[in-house]
C-alpha atoms as a PDB file:
ATOM      1  CA  MET A   1      -1.520   0.908  44.040  1.00  0.00           C
ATOM      2  CA  ASN A   2      -3.032   0.034  40.420  1.00  0.00           C
ATOM      3  CA  ALA A   3      -1.232   3.163  38.986  1.00  0.00           C
ATOM      4  CA  LEU A   4       2.087   2.088  40.293  1.00  0.00           C
ATOM      5  CA  LEU A   5       1.670  -1.502  38.869  1.00  0.00           C
ATOM      6  CA  SER A   6       1.021  -0.073  35.401  1.00  0.00           C
ATOM      7  CA  PHE A   7       4.012   2.374  35.452  1.00  0.00           C
ATOM      8  CA  PRO A   8       6.480  -0.136  33.958  1.00  0.00           C
ATOM      9  CA  ALA A   9       4.118  -1.024  31.223  1.00  0.00           C
ATOM     10  CA  ARG A  10       3.598   2.622  30.501  1.00  0.00           C
ATOM     11  CA  THR A  11       7.162   3.423  30.328  1.00  0.00           C
ATOM     12  CA  LEU A  12       7.988   0.202  28.147  1.00  0.00           C
ATOM     13  CA  ALA A  13       5.198   1.428  25.575  1.00  0.00           C
ATOM     14  CA  LEU A  14       6.716   5.176  25.693  1.00  0.00           C
ATOM     15  CA  LEU A  15       9.997   3.646  24.724  1.00  0.00           C
ATOM     16  CA  VAL A  16       8.904   1.467  21.955  1.00  0.00           C
ATOM     17  CA  LEU A  17       6.836   4.350  20.421  1.00  0.00           C
ATOM     18  CA  ALA A  18      10.002   6.693  20.787  1.00  0.00           C
ATOM     19  CA  MET A  19      11.948   4.054  18.918  1.00  0.00           C
ATOM     20  CA  MET A  20       9.570   3.510  16.019  1.00  0.00           C
ATOM     21  CA  PRO A  21       9.998   6.756  14.077  1.00  0.00           C
ATOM     22  CA  VAL A  22      13.646   6.257  14.016  1.00  0.00           C
ATOM     23  CA  ALA A  23      13.370   2.939  12.106  1.00  0.00           C
ATOM     24  CA  ALA A  24      10.859   4.270   9.738  1.00  0.00           C
ATOM     25  CA  SER A  25      12.998   7.388   8.960  1.00  0.00           C
ATOM     26  CA  ALA A  26      16.053   5.038   8.173  1.00  0.00           C
ATOM     27  CA  GLN A  27      13.840   3.009   5.727  1.00  0.00           C
ATOM     28  CA  ASN A  28      12.917   6.174   4.064  1.00  0.00           C
ATOM     29  CA  GLU A  29      16.499   7.592   3.855  1.00  0.00           C
ATOM     30  CA  ALA A  30      17.372   4.161   2.320  1.00  0.00           C
ATOM     31  CA  ALA A  31      15.030   4.409  -0.540  1.00  0.00           C
ATOM     32  CA  ARG A  32      16.063   7.975  -1.485  1.00  0.00           C
ATOM     33  CA  SER A  33      18.256   8.846  -4.284  1.00  0.00           C
ATOM     34  CA  ASP A  34      20.077  11.865  -5.687  1.00  0.00           C
ATOM     35  CA  SER A  35      17.498  12.657  -8.238  1.00  0.00           C
ATOM     36  CA  PRO A  36      14.277  14.412  -7.097  1.00  0.00           C
ATOM     37  CA  ILE A  37      12.602  12.785 -10.377  1.00  0.00           C
ATOM     38  CA  THR A  38      13.651   9.401  -8.967  1.00  0.00           C
ATOM     39  CA  ASP A  39      12.344  10.225  -5.617  1.00  0.00           C
ATOM     40  CA  ALA A  40       8.764  11.305  -7.121  1.00  0.00           C
ATOM     41  CA  LEU A  41       8.676   8.309  -9.061  1.00  0.00           C
ATOM     42  CA  LEU A  42       9.515   5.955  -6.114  1.00  0.00           C
ATOM     43  CA  TRP A  43       6.818   7.901  -3.997  1.00  0.00           C
ATOM     44  CA  MET A  44       4.261   7.261  -6.762  1.00  0.00           C
ATOM     45  CA  GLN A  45       5.174   3.642  -6.873  1.00  0.00           C
ATOM     46  CA  GLY A  46       4.544   3.486  -3.096  1.00  0.00           C
ATOM     47  CA  LEU A  47       1.319   5.189  -3.447  1.00  0.00           C
ATOM     48  CA  LEU A  48      -0.153   3.051  -6.396  1.00  0.00           C
ATOM     49  CA  LEU A  49       1.147  -0.253  -4.705  1.00  0.00           C
ATOM     50  CA  GLY A  50       0.804   0.493  -1.053  1.00  0.00           C
ATOM     51  CA  PRO A  51      -1.703  -0.698   1.479  1.00  0.00           C
ATOM     52  CA  ILE A  52      -3.964   2.014   0.787  1.00  0.00           C
ATOM     53  CA  ALA A  53      -4.361   1.282  -2.887  1.00  0.00           C
ATOM     54  CA  THR A  54      -4.581  -2.369  -2.174  1.00  0.00           C
ATOM     55  CA  SER A  55      -7.581  -1.790   0.192  1.00  0.00           C
ATOM     56  CA  LEU A  56      -9.214   0.532  -2.331  1.00  0.00           C
ATOM     57  CA  ALA A  57      -8.645  -2.158  -5.113  1.00  0.00           C
ATOM     58  CA  VAL A  58     -10.189  -5.119  -2.992  1.00  0.00           C
ATOM     59  CA  MET A  59     -13.178  -2.684  -2.272  1.00  0.00           C
ATOM     60  CA  ALA A  60     -13.424  -1.855  -5.867  1.00  0.00           C
ATOM     61  CA  VAL A  61     -13.424  -5.422  -7.086  1.00  0.00           C
ATOM     62  CA  ALA A  62     -15.917  -6.665  -4.432  1.00  0.00           C
ATOM     63  CA  GLY A  63     -18.346  -3.822  -5.301  1.00  0.00           C
ATOM     64  CA  VAL A  64     -17.985  -4.456  -8.856  1.00  0.00           C
ATOM     65  CA  GLY A  65     -18.433  -7.986  -8.445  1.00  0.00           C
ATOM     66  CA  PHE A  66     -21.580  -7.700  -6.178  1.00  0.00           C
ATOM     67  CA  MET A  67     -23.096  -5.312  -8.773  1.00  0.00           C
ATOM     68  CA  MET A  68     -22.435  -7.532 -11.585  1.00  0.00           C
ATOM     69  CA  LEU A  69     -23.735 -10.592  -9.436  1.00  0.00           C
ATOM     70  CA  THR A  70     -26.987  -8.726  -9.001  1.00  0.00           C
ATOM     71  CA  GLY A  71     -27.508  -7.527 -12.621  1.00  0.00           C
ATOM     72  CA  ARG A  72     -26.835  -3.943 -11.833  1.00  0.00           C
ATOM     73  CA  MET A  73     -23.730  -3.272 -13.509  1.00  0.00           C
ATOM     74  CA  ASN A  74     -22.577  -3.485 -17.276  1.00  0.00           C
ATOM     75  CA  TRP A  75     -20.354  -6.481 -17.607  1.00  0.00           C
ATOM     76  CA  ARG A  76     -17.932  -4.607 -19.851  1.00  0.00           C
ATOM     77  CA  TYR A  77     -17.403  -1.887 -17.192  1.00  0.00           C
ATOM     78  CA  GLY A  78     -16.861  -4.463 -14.604  1.00  0.00           C
ATOM     79  CA  GLY A  79     -14.518  -6.262 -16.708  1.00  0.00           C
ATOM     80  CA  THR A  80     -12.520  -3.085 -17.305  1.00  0.00           C
ATOM     81  CA  VAL A  81     -12.174  -2.390 -13.614  1.00  0.00           C
ATOM     82  CA  ILE A  82     -11.097  -5.733 -12.756  1.00  0.00           C
ATOM     83  CA  ILE A  83      -8.571  -5.804 -15.723  1.00  0.00           C
ATOM     84  CA  GLY A  84      -7.323  -2.256 -14.553  1.00  0.00           C
ATOM     85  CA  VAL A  85      -6.657  -3.626 -11.017  1.00  0.00           C
ATOM     86  CA  PHE A  86      -4.722  -6.457 -12.481  1.00  0.00           C
ATOM     87  CA  ILE A  87      -2.601  -4.154 -14.848  1.00  0.00           C
ATOM     88  CA  ILE A  88      -1.699  -1.640 -11.887  1.00  0.00           C
ATOM     89  CA  PHE A  89      -0.612  -4.483  -9.600  1.00  0.00           C
ATOM     90  CA  GLY A  90       1.028  -6.541 -12.056  1.00  0.00           C
ATOM     91  CA  ALA A  91       3.041  -3.822 -13.752  1.00  0.00           C
ATOM     92  CA  PRO A  92       6.247  -4.132 -11.953  1.00  0.00           C
ATOM     93  CA  ARG A  93       6.412  -7.938 -12.925  1.00  0.00           C
ATOM     94  CA  LEU A  94       5.489  -7.000 -16.560  1.00  0.00           C
ATOM     95  CA  VAL A  95       8.253  -4.391 -16.592  1.00  0.00           C
ATOM     96  CA  ASN A  96      10.863  -6.945 -15.128  1.00  0.00           C
ATOM     97  CA  SER A  97       9.868  -9.608 -17.630  1.00  0.00           C
ATOM     98  CA  ILE A  98      10.387  -7.180 -20.584  1.00  0.00           C
ATOM     99  CA  GLY A  99      13.392  -5.865 -19.227  1.00  0.00           C
ATOM    100  CA  ALA A 100      14.897  -9.344 -19.189  1.00  0.00           C
ATOM    101  CA  PHE A 101      14.856  -9.522 -22.979  1.00  0.00           C
END
């Protein structure tokens, strides 16, 4: 009896999962252009500014901050890492502000 009650929930979950790749594929196609170079640069931008890179940057800054706090890291190297993260994630805004002139 328990298996029969969960059948609608399973069916609904299957339908939701079946429709998800279509939406993701439509978003991918909208971001594509005619030039393979532009596609490669958009892919690289997504890689550098995506959720994986953001997670890695947060972990790097946290690790550097902890090591600097305990005195096990050179302050200059720690500052370089933190400034590098700010440059990577601030690059789109920097380019937009330069392009406005």
